[in-house]
Amino acid sequence: MSEADEMFEKLDYKKIEKSNKIIYREKMGLLIPNAEIVFYKNNKWIRVNFNLDMQELKAINKKCEELGWI
């Protein structure tokens, strides 16, 4: 498990990996139903469907580093 994966796990997200994307979905969905952060590997896009806090932003930045995007 990567450092970013551990950060997302601590924030209560589960990881779903597909061939062209990585999805982190909030496990409980208590605050925002279907809250997810999606990394599209082919075109280096990130989609977020809710407002982020600083811990989520740090985890996103770490994942971008691990993917070699920054």
N, C-alpha and C. Protein backbone atom coordinates (compact mmCIF):
# COMPACT_ATOMS: atom_id res chain seq x y z
N MET A 1 0.85 -1.18 0.00
CA MET A 1 0.00 0.00 0.00
C MET A 1 0.89 1.24 0.00
N SER A 2 0.58 2.16 -0.89
CA SER A 2 1.39 3.38 -1.00
C SER A 2 1.06 4.35 0.13
N GLU A 3 1.90 5.36 0.27
CA GLU A 3 1.67 6.36 1.30
C GLU A 3 0.35 7.10 1.07
N ALA A 4 0.04 7.43 -0.17
CA ALA A 4 -1.23 8.09 -0.47
C ALA A 4 -2.41 7.18 -0.15
N ASP A 5 -2.29 5.89 -0.47
CA ASP A 5 -3.36 4.94 -0.15
C ASP A 5 -3.61 4.91 1.36
N GLU A 6 -2.53 4.94 2.15
CA GLU A 6 -2.66 4.95 3.60
C GLU A 6 -3.33 6.24 4.08
N MET A 7 -2.99 7.36 3.45
CA MET A 7 -3.61 8.64 3.81
C MET A 7 -5.11 8.59 3.54
N PHE A 8 -5.49 8.09 2.38
CA PHE A 8 -6.92 7.97 2.05
C PHE A 8 -7.62 6.98 2.99
N GLU A 9 -6.95 5.90 3.33
CA GLU A 9 -7.53 4.91 4.25
C GLU A 9 -7.82 5.56 5.61
N LYS A 10 -6.91 6.37 6.10
CA LYS A 10 -7.12 7.06 7.38
C LYS A 10 -8.28 8.05 7.30
N LEU A 11 -8.54 8.57 6.11
CA LEU A 11 -9.65 9.49 5.90
C LEU A 11 -10.96 8.74 5.61
N ASP A 12 -10.91 7.41 5.73
CA ASP A 12 -12.08 6.54 5.57
C ASP A 12 -12.55 6.41 4.12
N TYR A 13 -11.59 6.30 3.21
CA TYR A 13 -11.88 6.05 1.80
C TYR A 13 -11.45 4.64 1.45
N LYS A 14 -12.18 4.02 0.55
CA LYS A 14 -11.75 2.73 0.01
C LYS A 14 -11.26 2.96 -1.41
N LYS A 15 -10.29 2.17 -1.82
CA LYS A 15 -9.68 2.31 -3.14
C LYS A 15 -10.28 1.28 -4.09
N ILE A 16 -10.62 1.76 -5.29
CA ILE A 16 -11.10 0.89 -6.36
C ILE A 16 -10.21 1.18 -7.56
N GLU A 17 -9.47 0.20 -8.01
CA GLU A 17 -8.54 0.41 -9.12
C GLU A 17 -9.05 -0.28 -10.36
N LYS A 18 -9.08 0.47 -11.44
CA LYS A 18 -9.48 -0.05 -12.74
C LYS A 18 -8.33 0.21 -13.71
N SER A 19 -8.43 -0.28 -14.92
CA SER A 19 -7.31 -0.17 -15.86
C SER A 19 -6.93 1.27 -16.17
N ASN A 20 -7.91 2.15 -16.28
CA ASN A 20 -7.61 3.53 -16.67
C ASN A 20 -7.87 4.56 -15.58
N LYS A 21 -8.30 4.10 -14.38
CA LYS A 21 -8.56 5.08 -13.33
C LYS A 21 -8.42 4.45 -11.94
N ILE A 22 -8.21 5.33 -10.97
CA ILE A 22 -8.17 4.95 -9.56
C ILE A 22 -9.25 5.77 -8.87
N ILE A 23 -10.11 5.10 -8.14
CA ILE A 23 -11.22 5.76 -7.46
C ILE A 23 -11.03 5.58 -5.96
N TYR A 24 -11.16 6.68 -5.23
CA TYR A 24 -11.23 6.63 -3.78
C TYR A 24 -12.63 7.06 -3.40
N ARG A 25 -13.39 6.15 -2.79
CA ARG A 25 -14.77 6.42 -2.44
C ARG A 25 -14.92 6.40 -0.92
N GLU A 26 -15.62 7.39 -0.39
CA GLU A 26 -15.85 7.45 1.05
C GLU A 26 -16.62 6.21 1.47
N LYS A 27 -16.11 5.51 2.47
CA LYS A 27 -16.70 4.23 2.88
C LYS A 27 -18.12 4.38 3.40
N MET A 28 -18.34 5.32 4.27
CA MET A 28 -19.64 5.43 4.92
C MET A 28 -20.60 6.34 4.16
N GLY A 29 -20.10 7.33 3.45
CA GLY A 29 -20.96 8.23 2.71
C GLY A 29 -21.88 9.03 3.61
N LEU A 30 -21.43 9.30 4.83
CA LEU A 30 -22.29 9.98 5.80
C LEU A 30 -22.46 11.46 5.48
N LEU A 31 -21.35 12.13 5.17
CA LEU A 31 -21.42 13.56 4.92
C LEU A 31 -21.95 13.87 3.52
N ILE A 32 -21.41 13.18 2.54
CA ILE A 32 -21.79 13.41 1.15
C ILE A 32 -22.02 12.05 0.50
N PRO A 33 -23.25 11.73 0.15
CA PRO A 33 -23.49 10.45 -0.53
C PRO A 33 -22.68 10.35 -1.83
N ASN A 34 -22.07 9.21 -2.07
CA ASN A 34 -21.29 8.95 -3.29
C ASN A 34 -20.09 9.86 -3.44
N ALA A 35 -19.52 10.33 -2.33
CA ALA A 35 -18.31 11.17 -2.38
C ALA A 35 -17.16 10.33 -2.93
N GLU A 36 -16.51 10.84 -3.97
CA GLU A 36 -15.38 10.11 -4.53
C GLU A 36 -14.39 11.06 -5.19
N ILE A 37 -13.16 10.58 -5.22
CA ILE A 37 -12.06 11.26 -5.89
C ILE A 37 -11.55 10.29 -6.94
N VAL A 38 -11.52 10.73 -8.19
CA VAL A 38 -11.15 9.85 -9.29
C VAL A 38 -9.92 10.39 -9.99
N PHE A 39 -8.91 9.53 -10.14
CA PHE A 39 -7.69 9.85 -10.89
C PHE A 39 -7.77 9.12 -12.23
N TYR A 40 -7.84 9.88 -13.33
CA TYR A 40 -7.87 9.30 -14.67
C TYR A 40 -6.43 9.20 -15.17
N LYS A 41 -5.91 7.99 -15.24
CA LYS A 41 -4.49 7.77 -15.56
C LYS A 41 -4.12 8.19 -16.98
N ASN A 42 -4.99 7.96 -17.94
CA ASN A 42 -4.65 8.22 -19.35
C ASN A 42 -4.41 9.69 -19.65
N ASN A 43 -5.21 10.57 -19.07
CA ASN A 43 -5.09 11.99 -19.40
C ASN A 43 -4.69 12.86 -18.22
N LYS A 44 -4.34 12.24 -17.08
CA LYS A 44 -3.87 12.95 -15.89
C LYS A 44 -4.91 13.95 -15.38
N TRP A 45 -6.14 13.52 -15.31
CA TRP A 45 -7.23 14.33 -14.76
C TRP A 45 -7.61 13.81 -13.39
N ILE A 46 -8.15 14.72 -12.58
CA ILE A 46 -8.69 14.35 -11.28
C ILE A 46 -10.10 14.93 -11.22
N ARG A 47 -11.06 14.10 -10.80
CA ARG A 47 -12.43 14.57 -10.63
C ARG A 47 -12.82 14.39 -9.17
N VAL A 48 -13.34 15.47 -8.59
CA VAL A 48 -13.81 15.46 -7.21
C VAL A 48 -15.23 16.01 -7.22
N ASN A 49 -16.15 15.33 -6.56
CA ASN A 49 -17.55 15.77 -6.61
C ASN A 49 -18.04 16.37 -5.29
N PHE A 50 -17.12 16.97 -4.53
CA PHE A 50 -17.48 17.61 -3.25
C PHE A 50 -16.37 18.58 -2.86
N ASN A 51 -16.60 19.37 -1.82
CA ASN A 51 -15.58 20.29 -1.32
C ASN A 51 -14.55 19.52 -0.51
N LEU A 52 -13.28 19.85 -0.71
CA LEU A 52 -12.17 19.16 -0.05
C LEU A 52 -11.77 19.84 1.24
N ASP A 53 -11.25 19.05 2.18
CA ASP A 53 -10.56 19.64 3.31
C ASP A 53 -9.06 19.49 3.06
N MET A 54 -8.26 20.06 3.92
CA MET A 54 -6.81 20.07 3.68
C MET A 54 -6.20 18.67 3.70
N GLN A 55 -6.71 17.77 4.52
CA GLN A 55 -6.17 16.41 4.57
C GLN A 55 -6.43 15.66 3.27
N GLU A 56 -7.59 15.87 2.69
CA GLU A 56 -7.90 15.25 1.40
C GLU A 56 -7.01 15.83 0.30
N LEU A 57 -6.79 17.13 0.36
CA LEU A 57 -5.92 17.77 -0.63
C LEU A 57 -4.49 17.26 -0.53
N LYS A 58 -4.00 17.06 0.68
CA LYS A 58 -2.65 16.50 0.87
C LYS A 58 -2.56 15.09 0.29
N ALA A 59 -3.59 14.28 0.51
CA ALA A 59 -3.60 12.92 -0.03
C ALA A 59 -3.64 12.93 -1.55
N ILE A 60 -4.41 13.85 -2.14
CA ILE A 60 -4.46 13.99 -3.60
C ILE A 60 -3.08 14.37 -4.14
N ASN A 61 -2.44 15.34 -3.51
CA ASN A 61 -1.11 15.76 -3.96
C ASN A 61 -0.11 14.62 -3.87
N LYS A 62 -0.16 13.84 -2.79
CA LYS A 62 0.75 12.70 -2.63
C LYS A 62 0.50 11.67 -3.73
N LYS A 63 -0.77 11.40 -4.06
CA LYS A 63 -1.07 10.44 -5.12
C LYS A 63 -0.55 10.94 -6.47
N CYS A 64 -0.69 12.24 -6.73
CA CYS A 64 -0.16 12.81 -7.97
C CYS A 64 1.35 12.64 -8.05
N GLU A 65 2.05 12.82 -6.92
CA GLU A 65 3.50 12.58 -6.89
C GLU A 65 3.81 11.12 -7.21
N GLU A 66 3.07 10.21 -6.59
CA GLU A 66 3.31 8.78 -6.80
C GLU A 66 3.05 8.35 -8.23
N LEU A 67 2.10 9.00 -8.88
CA LEU A 67 1.79 8.69 -10.28
C LEU A 67 2.78 9.37 -11.25
N GLY A 68 3.64 10.24 -10.71
CA GLY A 68 4.62 10.93 -11.55
C GLY A 68 4.04 12.12 -12.29
N TRP A 69 2.91 12.64 -11.82
CA TRP A 69 2.26 13.76 -12.49
C TRP A 69 2.87 15.08 -12.06
N ILE A 70 3.44 15.15 -10.87
CA ILE A 70 4.09 16.38 -10.39
C ILE A 70 5.42 16.05 -9.79
